[in-house]
Amino acid sequence: MIDDTQPRLIIAQPLTQHGFAPYGELVSAEASSSTGINGGTAQRIEQAMDLAGHGGTACMALFRTQGHAAPLRLSAFERHCLGSQTFVPLGQSRCLAVVTSGAHAPDEERIEAFIVEPGQGITLRRGVWHHPLLTQDAADVLVIERHAAAIDCEVVAITGHFIVTLPPARER
């Protein structure tokens, strides 16, 4: 059971494919296999997404965030049960992926936070509970997700008190 009297501190960890595997895939040139294209002048790096079920199609959007300096208080988690979602910060932007497991509600005992550095992105599997997008500074984030007539976003307020912070600079 969560102790509501003191906030639980969650230290964001570097994003690795192994650490993020329970929630989805790491998007980066280093984490993916590639194929030479265009006469050898470029590399094609692919990642499959789960978007077509229940009449959905792929949609690309640009999220412009205001940014939030750490430490950050968590308030709610959301999930998308009909499709995956990909987030790629543009430029030198960083974002935080705060995720957890749970069948019917976010498992507040298992919240994890990952630092998504420039040159990285993430694809969340369908049904993964995640905090709404958090960026360190104002940023543009490319989002690829499922688009359909029916909205696919379940939002649940959390009951515990959680603060996400960054590790000391030497650990990043």
N, C-alpha and C. Protein backbone atom coordinates (compact mmCIF):
# COMPACT_ATOMS: atom_id res chain seq x y z
N MET A 1 0.84 -1.18 0.00
CA MET A 1 0.00 0.00 0.00
C MET A 1 0.89 1.24 0.00
N ILE A 2 0.48 2.27 -0.72
CA ILE A 2 1.23 3.52 -0.83
C ILE A 2 1.04 4.35 0.45
N ASP A 3 2.14 4.91 0.95
CA ASP A 3 2.09 5.83 2.10
C ASP A 3 1.78 7.22 1.57
N ASP A 4 0.58 7.73 1.89
CA ASP A 4 0.14 9.03 1.38
C ASP A 4 0.74 10.21 2.13
N THR A 5 1.42 9.98 3.23
CA THR A 5 1.92 11.09 4.03
C THR A 5 3.18 11.71 3.43
N GLN A 6 4.01 10.93 2.80
CA GLN A 6 5.24 11.43 2.19
C GLN A 6 5.24 11.09 0.70
N PRO A 7 5.64 12.04 -0.14
CA PRO A 7 5.73 11.72 -1.57
C PRO A 7 6.81 10.66 -1.81
N ARG A 8 6.55 9.79 -2.74
CA ARG A 8 7.57 8.80 -3.13
C ARG A 8 8.41 9.41 -4.23
N LEU A 9 9.72 9.40 -4.06
CA LEU A 9 10.65 9.97 -5.03
C LEU A 9 10.99 8.91 -6.08
N ILE A 10 10.82 9.25 -7.34
CA ILE A 10 11.16 8.37 -8.45
C ILE A 10 12.27 9.06 -9.22
N ILE A 11 13.45 8.44 -9.27
CA ILE A 11 14.58 9.01 -9.99
C ILE A 11 14.56 8.49 -11.41
N ALA A 12 14.47 9.40 -12.38
CA ALA A 12 14.44 9.01 -13.79
C ALA A 12 15.76 8.34 -14.16
N GLN A 13 15.67 7.29 -14.94
CA GLN A 13 16.85 6.54 -15.35
C GLN A 13 17.11 6.72 -16.83
N PRO A 14 18.34 6.49 -17.26
CA PRO A 14 18.62 6.57 -18.70
C PRO A 14 17.76 5.56 -19.45
N LEU A 15 17.35 5.93 -20.63
CA LEU A 15 16.53 5.07 -21.47
C LEU A 15 17.40 4.04 -22.18
N THR A 16 17.11 2.76 -21.94
CA THR A 16 17.76 1.66 -22.64
C THR A 16 16.68 0.72 -23.15
N GLN A 17 16.98 -0.03 -24.19
CA GLN A 17 15.99 -0.98 -24.71
C GLN A 17 15.65 -2.02 -23.66
N HIS A 18 16.65 -2.49 -22.94
CA HIS A 18 16.40 -3.51 -21.92
C HIS A 18 15.49 -2.97 -20.81
N GLY A 19 15.78 -1.79 -20.29
CA GLY A 19 14.99 -1.23 -19.21
C GLY A 19 13.58 -0.87 -19.61
N PHE A 20 13.41 -0.44 -20.87
CA PHE A 20 12.10 0.01 -21.34
C PHE A 20 11.27 -1.13 -21.94
N ALA A 21 11.86 -2.31 -22.13
CA ALA A 21 11.20 -3.43 -22.80
C ALA A 21 9.81 -3.79 -22.27
N PRO A 22 9.53 -3.72 -20.96
CA PRO A 22 8.18 -4.07 -20.52
C PRO A 22 7.09 -3.13 -21.05
N TYR A 23 7.47 -1.96 -21.53
CA TYR A 23 6.50 -0.94 -21.92
C TYR A 23 6.44 -0.68 -23.43
N GLY A 24 7.51 -1.02 -24.14
CA GLY A 24 7.54 -0.75 -25.56
C GLY A 24 8.95 -0.84 -26.12
N GLU A 25 9.19 -0.05 -27.15
CA GLU A 25 10.45 -0.12 -27.87
C GLU A 25 11.17 1.22 -27.83
N LEU A 26 12.49 1.16 -27.83
CA LEU A 26 13.33 2.34 -27.96
C LEU A 26 13.46 2.66 -29.45
N VAL A 27 13.32 3.93 -29.80
CA VAL A 27 13.49 4.38 -31.17
C VAL A 27 14.81 5.13 -31.24
N SER A 28 15.81 4.55 -31.93
CA SER A 28 17.08 5.25 -32.14
C SER A 28 17.86 4.51 -33.21
N ALA A 29 18.79 5.21 -33.82
CA ALA A 29 19.62 4.59 -34.85
C ALA A 29 20.45 3.46 -34.25
N GLU A 30 20.88 3.61 -33.02
CA GLU A 30 21.71 2.60 -32.38
C GLU A 30 20.92 1.36 -31.97
N ALA A 31 19.63 1.51 -31.69
CA ALA A 31 18.82 0.41 -31.18
C ALA A 31 18.14 -0.40 -32.27
N SER A 32 18.19 0.06 -33.49
CA SER A 32 17.43 -0.57 -34.57
C SER A 32 18.36 -1.05 -35.68
N SER A 33 17.90 -2.07 -36.39
CA SER A 33 18.66 -2.49 -37.57
C SER A 33 18.29 -1.56 -38.72
N SER A 34 19.20 -1.46 -39.67
CA SER A 34 18.97 -0.54 -40.78
C SER A 34 19.33 -1.20 -42.10
N THR A 35 18.82 -0.59 -43.15
CA THR A 35 19.08 -1.04 -44.51
C THR A 35 19.58 0.15 -45.31
N GLY A 36 20.66 -0.06 -46.06
CA GLY A 36 21.15 1.01 -46.92
C GLY A 36 20.16 1.26 -48.06
N ILE A 37 19.87 2.56 -48.33
CA ILE A 37 18.97 2.94 -49.42
C ILE A 37 19.55 4.12 -50.18
N ASN A 38 18.86 4.51 -51.23
CA ASN A 38 19.22 5.68 -52.05
C ASN A 38 20.67 5.62 -52.52
N GLY A 39 21.04 4.46 -53.06
CA GLY A 39 22.39 4.31 -53.59
C GLY A 39 23.46 4.41 -52.52
N GLY A 40 23.12 4.07 -51.28
CA GLY A 40 24.10 4.09 -50.21
C GLY A 40 24.25 5.44 -49.52
N THR A 41 23.40 6.41 -49.86
CA THR A 41 23.54 7.74 -49.24
C THR A 41 22.71 7.89 -47.97
N ALA A 42 21.93 6.86 -47.63
CA ALA A 42 21.09 6.95 -46.44
C ALA A 42 20.86 5.56 -45.87
N GLN A 43 20.42 5.52 -44.63
CA GLN A 43 20.04 4.29 -43.97
C GLN A 43 18.56 4.37 -43.62
N ARG A 44 17.84 3.31 -43.88
CA ARG A 44 16.42 3.23 -43.51
C ARG A 44 16.32 2.42 -42.22
N ILE A 45 15.77 3.06 -41.19
CA ILE A 45 15.59 2.43 -39.90
C ILE A 45 14.09 2.37 -39.65
N GLU A 46 13.55 1.16 -39.55
CA GLU A 46 12.11 0.97 -39.41
C GLU A 46 11.73 0.52 -38.02
N GLN A 47 10.51 0.86 -37.65
CA GLN A 47 9.92 0.31 -36.45
C GLN A 47 8.43 0.14 -36.71
N ALA A 48 7.94 -1.07 -36.53
CA ALA A 48 6.52 -1.34 -36.75
C ALA A 48 5.70 -0.69 -35.64
N MET A 49 4.50 -0.25 -35.99
CA MET A 49 3.57 0.30 -35.01
C MET A 49 2.25 -0.45 -35.12
N ASP A 50 1.49 -0.42 -34.07
CA ASP A 50 0.22 -1.13 -33.96
C ASP A 50 -0.90 -0.09 -34.01
N LEU A 51 -1.38 0.26 -35.22
CA LEU A 51 -2.31 1.37 -35.36
C LEU A 51 -3.59 1.05 -36.13
N ALA A 52 -3.63 -0.03 -36.87
CA ALA A 52 -4.70 -0.24 -37.83
C ALA A 52 -5.96 -0.91 -37.27
N GLY A 53 -5.90 -1.48 -36.09
CA GLY A 53 -7.06 -2.18 -35.55
C GLY A 53 -8.25 -1.28 -35.29
N HIS A 54 -9.44 -1.86 -35.34
CA HIS A 54 -10.69 -1.16 -35.04
C HIS A 54 -10.89 0.10 -35.88
N GLY A 55 -10.49 0.02 -37.15
CA GLY A 55 -10.72 1.13 -38.07
C GLY A 55 -9.76 2.29 -37.92
N GLY A 56 -8.66 2.11 -37.21
CA GLY A 56 -7.69 3.20 -37.02
C GLY A 56 -6.74 3.34 -38.19
N THR A 57 -6.20 4.53 -38.32
CA THR A 57 -5.16 4.81 -39.30
C THR A 57 -4.03 5.54 -38.59
N ALA A 58 -2.88 5.60 -39.24
CA ALA A 58 -1.74 6.31 -38.67
C ALA A 58 -1.98 7.81 -38.74
N CYS A 59 -1.60 8.50 -37.69
CA CYS A 59 -1.73 9.95 -37.62
C CYS A 59 -0.42 10.50 -37.06
N MET A 60 0.10 11.53 -37.68
CA MET A 60 1.29 12.18 -37.17
C MET A 60 0.90 13.56 -36.65
N ALA A 61 1.38 13.90 -35.47
CA ALA A 61 1.05 15.20 -34.88
C ALA A 61 2.32 15.79 -34.27
N LEU A 62 2.31 17.09 -34.12
CA LEU A 62 3.39 17.78 -33.43
C LEU A 62 2.82 18.32 -32.13
N PHE A 63 3.39 17.89 -31.01
CA PHE A 63 2.97 18.40 -29.70
C PHE A 63 3.97 19.48 -29.31
N ARG A 64 3.53 20.67 -29.06
CA ARG A 64 4.39 21.76 -28.60
C ARG A 64 4.17 21.91 -27.10
N THR A 65 5.19 21.61 -26.32
CA THR A 65 5.06 21.62 -24.87
C THR A 65 5.64 22.89 -24.26
N GLN A 66 5.22 23.17 -23.06
CA GLN A 66 5.73 24.33 -22.33
C GLN A 66 6.95 23.96 -21.49
N GLY A 67 7.11 22.72 -21.16
CA GLY A 67 8.23 22.26 -20.36
C GLY A 67 7.97 22.42 -18.88
N HIS A 68 8.53 21.50 -18.11
CA HIS A 68 8.40 21.50 -16.66
C HIS A 68 9.75 21.11 -16.08
N ALA A 69 10.31 21.96 -15.25
CA ALA A 69 11.58 21.64 -14.61
C ALA A 69 11.37 20.59 -13.52
N ALA A 70 12.33 19.69 -13.41
CA ALA A 70 12.27 18.68 -12.34
C ALA A 70 12.60 19.37 -11.02
N PRO A 71 12.05 18.91 -9.93
CA PRO A 71 11.20 17.73 -9.76
C PRO A 71 9.77 17.98 -10.23
N LEU A 72 9.13 16.90 -10.66
CA LEU A 72 7.78 16.96 -11.21
C LEU A 72 6.82 16.12 -10.38
N ARG A 73 5.68 16.68 -10.04
CA ARG A 73 4.65 15.93 -9.30
C ARG A 73 3.75 15.23 -10.31
N LEU A 74 3.52 13.95 -10.10
CA LEU A 74 2.65 13.17 -10.99
C LEU A 74 1.20 13.34 -10.55
N SER A 75 0.29 13.33 -11.53
CA SER A 75 -1.12 13.54 -11.20
C SER A 75 -2.04 12.46 -11.76
N ALA A 76 -1.74 11.97 -12.94
CA ALA A 76 -2.64 11.00 -13.59
C ALA A 76 -1.84 10.16 -14.58
N PHE A 77 -2.43 9.04 -14.93
CA PHE A 77 -1.87 8.20 -15.99
C PHE A 77 -2.95 7.99 -17.04
N GLU A 78 -2.50 7.72 -18.25
CA GLU A 78 -3.43 7.43 -19.35
C GLU A 78 -2.92 6.21 -20.09
N ARG A 79 -3.82 5.63 -20.88
CA ARG A 79 -3.43 4.54 -21.76
C ARG A 79 -4.31 4.56 -22.99
N HIS A 80 -3.81 3.92 -24.04
CA HIS A 80 -4.51 3.82 -25.32
C HIS A 80 -4.60 2.33 -25.64
N CYS A 81 -5.79 1.77 -25.55
CA CYS A 81 -5.97 0.32 -25.68
C CYS A 81 -6.11 -0.17 -27.12
N LEU A 82 -6.27 0.75 -28.06
CA LEU A 82 -6.50 0.33 -29.45
C LEU A 82 -5.29 0.55 -30.35
N GLY A 83 -4.22 1.13 -29.83
CA GLY A 83 -3.05 1.35 -30.68
C GLY A 83 -1.84 1.81 -29.89
N SER A 84 -0.69 1.66 -30.51
CA SER A 84 0.56 2.11 -29.91
C SER A 84 0.72 3.61 -30.12
N GLN A 85 1.73 4.18 -29.50
CA GLN A 85 1.99 5.62 -29.59
C GLN A 85 3.50 5.82 -29.58
N THR A 86 4.00 6.63 -30.52
CA THR A 86 5.43 6.92 -30.60
C THR A 86 5.67 8.40 -30.32
N PHE A 87 6.70 8.68 -29.51
CA PHE A 87 7.10 10.03 -29.15
C PHE A 87 8.56 10.22 -29.54
N VAL A 88 8.87 11.25 -30.33
CA VAL A 88 10.23 11.56 -30.71
C VAL A 88 10.47 13.05 -30.49
N PRO A 89 11.26 13.41 -29.44
CA PRO A 89 11.56 14.82 -29.23
C PRO A 89 12.40 15.34 -30.40
N LEU A 90 12.10 16.54 -30.85
CA LEU A 90 12.83 17.14 -31.98
C LEU A 90 13.95 18.05 -31.47
N GLY A 91 14.96 18.24 -32.28
CA GLY A 91 16.06 19.12 -31.89
C GLY A 91 16.80 18.56 -30.70
N GLN A 92 17.17 19.43 -29.78
CA GLN A 92 17.92 19.03 -28.59
C GLN A 92 17.01 18.82 -27.38
N SER A 93 15.75 18.62 -27.62
CA SER A 93 14.78 18.45 -26.54
C SER A 93 14.95 17.11 -25.83
N ARG A 94 14.61 17.10 -24.56
CA ARG A 94 14.55 15.88 -23.75
C ARG A 94 13.15 15.75 -23.21
N CYS A 95 12.69 14.53 -23.04
CA CYS A 95 11.41 14.34 -22.36
C CYS A 95 11.54 13.20 -21.38
N LEU A 96 10.54 13.09 -20.54
CA LEU A 96 10.50 12.01 -19.56
C LEU A 96 9.36 11.08 -19.92
N ALA A 97 9.65 9.80 -19.94
CA ALA A 97 8.62 8.78 -20.11
C ALA A 97 8.38 8.17 -18.74
N VAL A 98 7.21 8.43 -18.17
CA VAL A 98 6.85 7.90 -16.86
C VAL A 98 5.77 6.85 -17.11
N VAL A 99 6.08 5.61 -16.77
CA VAL A 99 5.24 4.47 -17.16
C VAL A 99 5.02 3.53 -15.98
N THR A 100 4.01 2.70 -16.12
CA THR A 100 3.78 1.64 -15.14
C THR A 100 2.95 0.54 -15.78
N SER A 101 2.85 -0.56 -15.09
CA SER A 101 2.01 -1.67 -15.53
C SER A 101 0.64 -1.53 -14.88
N GLY A 102 -0.20 -2.52 -15.10
CA GLY A 102 -1.53 -2.55 -14.49
C GLY A 102 -2.58 -2.95 -15.51
N ALA A 103 -3.44 -3.87 -15.12
CA ALA A 103 -4.48 -4.36 -16.02
C ALA A 103 -5.64 -3.37 -16.13
N HIS A 104 -6.21 -2.96 -15.01
CA HIS A 104 -7.40 -2.11 -15.03
C HIS A 104 -7.14 -0.70 -14.53
N ALA A 105 -6.00 -0.50 -13.87
CA ALA A 105 -5.61 0.81 -13.34
C ALA A 105 -4.09 0.84 -13.25
N PRO A 106 -3.50 2.03 -13.21
CA PRO A 106 -2.04 2.10 -13.08
C PRO A 106 -1.57 1.47 -11.76
N ASP A 107 -0.53 0.66 -11.84
CA ASP A 107 0.05 0.05 -10.64
C ASP A 107 1.01 1.07 -10.02
N GLU A 108 0.57 1.74 -8.98
CA GLU A 108 1.35 2.81 -8.37
C GLU A 108 2.60 2.30 -7.67
N GLU A 109 2.69 1.01 -7.43
CA GLU A 109 3.87 0.42 -6.80
C GLU A 109 5.00 0.23 -7.81
N ARG A 110 4.70 0.31 -9.10
CA ARG A 110 5.68 -0.04 -10.13
C ARG A 110 5.99 1.11 -11.09
N ILE A 111 5.78 2.34 -10.67
CA ILE A 111 6.04 3.48 -11.55
C ILE A 111 7.54 3.60 -11.81
N GLU A 112 7.89 3.79 -13.09
CA GLU A 112 9.28 4.01 -13.50
C GLU A 112 9.33 5.24 -14.39
N ALA A 113 10.48 5.92 -14.38
CA ALA A 113 10.66 7.09 -15.24
C ALA A 113 11.95 6.91 -16.03
N PHE A 114 11.90 7.31 -17.31
CA PHE A 114 13.05 7.19 -18.21
C PHE A 114 13.31 8.55 -18.86
N ILE A 115 14.58 8.88 -19.03
CA ILE A 115 14.98 10.11 -19.69
C ILE A 115 15.14 9.81 -21.18
N VAL A 116 14.34 10.47 -22.01
CA VAL A 116 14.43 10.31 -23.46
C VAL A 116 15.30 11.45 -23.98
N GLU A 117 16.53 11.12 -24.35
CA GLU A 117 17.53 12.10 -24.77
C GLU A 117 17.35 12.47 -26.24
N PRO A 118 17.95 13.59 -26.67
CA PRO A 118 17.96 13.91 -28.10
C PRO A 118 18.52 12.73 -28.90
N GLY A 119 17.90 12.43 -30.02
CA GLY A 119 18.32 11.28 -30.82
C GLY A 119 17.62 9.99 -30.44
N GLN A 120 16.78 10.03 -29.42
CA GLN A 120 16.02 8.85 -29.00
C GLN A 120 14.53 9.15 -29.10
N GLY A 121 13.75 8.11 -29.10
CA GLY A 121 12.30 8.21 -29.02
C GLY A 121 11.80 6.92 -28.41
N ILE A 122 10.50 6.85 -28.19
CA ILE A 122 9.92 5.63 -27.63
C ILE A 122 8.63 5.31 -28.37
N THR A 123 8.33 4.03 -28.44
CA THR A 123 7.02 3.57 -28.88
C THR A 123 6.41 2.81 -27.71
N LEU A 124 5.29 3.32 -27.21
CA LEU A 124 4.56 2.66 -26.14
C LEU A 124 3.62 1.63 -26.76
N ARG A 125 3.64 0.43 -26.23
CA ARG A 125 2.69 -0.59 -26.69
C ARG A 125 1.27 -0.19 -26.31
N ARG A 126 0.30 -0.69 -27.04
CA ARG A 126 -1.09 -0.44 -26.67
C ARG A 126 -1.34 -0.93 -25.26
N GLY A 127 -2.13 -0.16 -24.51
CA GLY A 127 -2.51 -0.54 -23.17
C GLY A 127 -1.51 -0.20 -22.07
N VAL A 128 -0.37 0.42 -22.41
CA VAL A 128 0.63 0.77 -21.38
C VAL A 128 0.22 2.07 -20.70
N TRP A 129 0.16 2.05 -19.37
CA TRP A 129 -0.15 3.25 -18.60
C TRP A 129 1.05 4.18 -18.63
N HIS A 130 0.81 5.46 -18.94
CA HIS A 130 1.89 6.44 -18.97
C HIS A 130 1.36 7.80 -18.52
N HIS A 131 2.24 8.57 -17.93
CA HIS A 131 1.87 9.93 -17.55
C HIS A 131 1.78 10.75 -18.82
N PRO A 132 0.89 11.74 -18.89
CA PRO A 132 0.90 12.63 -20.06
C PRO A 132 2.30 13.19 -20.30
N LEU A 133 2.58 13.54 -21.52
CA LEU A 133 3.90 13.97 -21.98
C LEU A 133 4.52 15.03 -21.07
N LEU A 134 5.78 14.79 -20.68
CA LEU A 134 6.54 15.73 -19.87
C LEU A 134 7.85 16.04 -20.59
N THR A 135 8.16 17.32 -20.76
CA THR A 135 9.46 17.72 -21.31
C THR A 135 10.14 18.64 -20.31
N GLN A 136 11.46 18.62 -20.33
CA GLN A 136 12.26 19.44 -19.41
C GLN A 136 12.10 20.93 -19.72
N ASP A 137 12.19 21.27 -20.97
CA ASP A 137 12.06 22.64 -21.43
C ASP A 137 10.97 22.69 -22.48
N ALA A 138 10.60 23.88 -22.91
CA ALA A 138 9.65 23.98 -24.02
C ALA A 138 10.23 23.19 -25.19
N ALA A 139 9.40 22.40 -25.83
CA ALA A 139 9.90 21.51 -26.87
C ALA A 139 8.82 21.16 -27.87
N ASP A 140 9.27 20.71 -29.03
CA ASP A 140 8.39 20.12 -30.02
C ASP A 140 8.66 18.63 -30.03
N VAL A 141 7.59 17.84 -29.96
CA VAL A 141 7.71 16.39 -29.94
C VAL A 141 6.84 15.84 -31.05
N LEU A 142 7.44 15.06 -31.94
CA LEU A 142 6.71 14.39 -33.00
C LEU A 142 6.02 13.17 -32.40
N VAL A 143 4.70 13.06 -32.64
CA VAL A 143 3.92 11.95 -32.10
C VAL A 143 3.25 11.23 -33.26
N ILE A 144 3.40 9.93 -33.28
CA ILE A 144 2.72 9.09 -34.27
C ILE A 144 1.79 8.18 -33.47
N GLU A 145 0.51 8.25 -33.81
CA GLU A 145 -0.47 7.50 -33.04
C GLU A 145 -1.65 7.11 -33.92
N ARG A 146 -2.55 6.38 -33.34
CA ARG A 146 -3.75 5.90 -34.02
C ARG A 146 -4.78 7.02 -34.08
N HIS A 147 -5.41 7.16 -35.23
CA HIS A 147 -6.49 8.13 -35.41
C HIS A 147 -7.74 7.38 -35.86
N ALA A 148 -8.85 7.67 -35.21
CA ALA A 148 -10.13 7.05 -35.58
C ALA A 148 -11.25 7.92 -35.04
N ALA A 149 -12.47 7.61 -35.44
CA ALA A 149 -13.62 8.40 -34.97
C ALA A 149 -13.78 8.32 -33.46
N ALA A 150 -13.57 7.15 -32.89
CA ALA A 150 -13.71 6.97 -31.44
C ALA A 150 -12.41 7.34 -30.75
N ILE A 151 -12.49 8.13 -29.70
CA ILE A 151 -11.32 8.52 -28.92
C ILE A 151 -10.83 7.30 -28.14
N ASP A 152 -9.53 7.08 -28.15
CA ASP A 152 -8.92 5.95 -27.46
C ASP A 152 -7.94 6.49 -26.42
N CYS A 153 -8.45 7.06 -25.36
CA CYS A 153 -7.60 7.58 -24.30
C CYS A 153 -8.34 7.47 -22.97
N GLU A 154 -7.87 6.54 -22.14
CA GLU A 154 -8.44 6.37 -20.80
C GLU A 154 -7.51 7.07 -19.81
N VAL A 155 -8.04 8.00 -19.01
CA VAL A 155 -7.25 8.77 -18.06
C VAL A 155 -7.72 8.42 -16.64
N VAL A 156 -6.75 8.16 -15.74
CA VAL A 156 -7.05 7.80 -14.36
C VAL A 156 -6.17 8.65 -13.44
N ALA A 157 -6.79 9.33 -12.50
CA ALA A 157 -6.04 10.07 -11.48
C ALA A 157 -5.37 9.07 -10.55
N ILE A 158 -4.17 9.39 -10.11
CA ILE A 158 -3.50 8.49 -9.15
C ILE A 158 -3.80 8.95 -7.73
N THR A 159 -3.72 8.01 -6.80
CA THR A 159 -4.07 8.32 -5.42
C THR A 159 -2.85 8.65 -4.57
N GLY A 160 -1.68 8.11 -4.93
CA GLY A 160 -0.46 8.37 -4.17
C GLY A 160 0.18 9.69 -4.55
N HIS A 161 1.17 10.08 -3.78
CA HIS A 161 1.94 11.30 -4.05
C HIS A 161 3.32 10.90 -4.56
N PHE A 162 3.62 11.29 -5.80
CA PHE A 162 4.86 10.89 -6.45
C PHE A 162 5.56 12.10 -7.03
N ILE A 163 6.87 12.14 -6.86
CA ILE A 163 7.71 13.19 -7.42
C ILE A 163 8.77 12.52 -8.29
N VAL A 164 8.91 12.98 -9.54
CA VAL A 164 9.95 12.47 -10.42
C VAL A 164 11.06 13.51 -10.48
N THR A 165 12.28 13.04 -10.31
CA THR A 165 13.44 13.93 -10.38
C THR A 165 14.49 13.29 -11.26
N LEU A 166 15.48 14.07 -11.62
CA LEU A 166 16.59 13.58 -12.44
C LEU A 166 17.74 13.15 -11.54
N PRO A 167 18.54 12.21 -12.01
CA PRO A 167 19.71 11.85 -11.22
C PRO A 167 20.72 12.99 -11.26
N PRO A 168 21.70 12.98 -10.36
CA PRO A 168 22.75 14.00 -10.45
C PRO A 168 23.40 13.95 -11.83
N ALA A 169 23.89 15.08 -12.31
CA ALA A 169 24.41 15.21 -13.68
C ALA A 169 25.44 14.14 -14.03
N ARG A 170 26.29 13.73 -13.12
CA ARG A 170 27.32 12.75 -13.44
C ARG A 170 26.76 11.36 -13.74
N GLU A 171 25.51 11.09 -13.32
CA GLU A 171 24.92 9.76 -13.54
C GLU A 171 24.15 9.68 -14.85
N ARG A 172 23.92 10.77 -15.52
CA ARG A 172 23.14 10.75 -16.75
C ARG A 172 23.94 10.25 -17.91
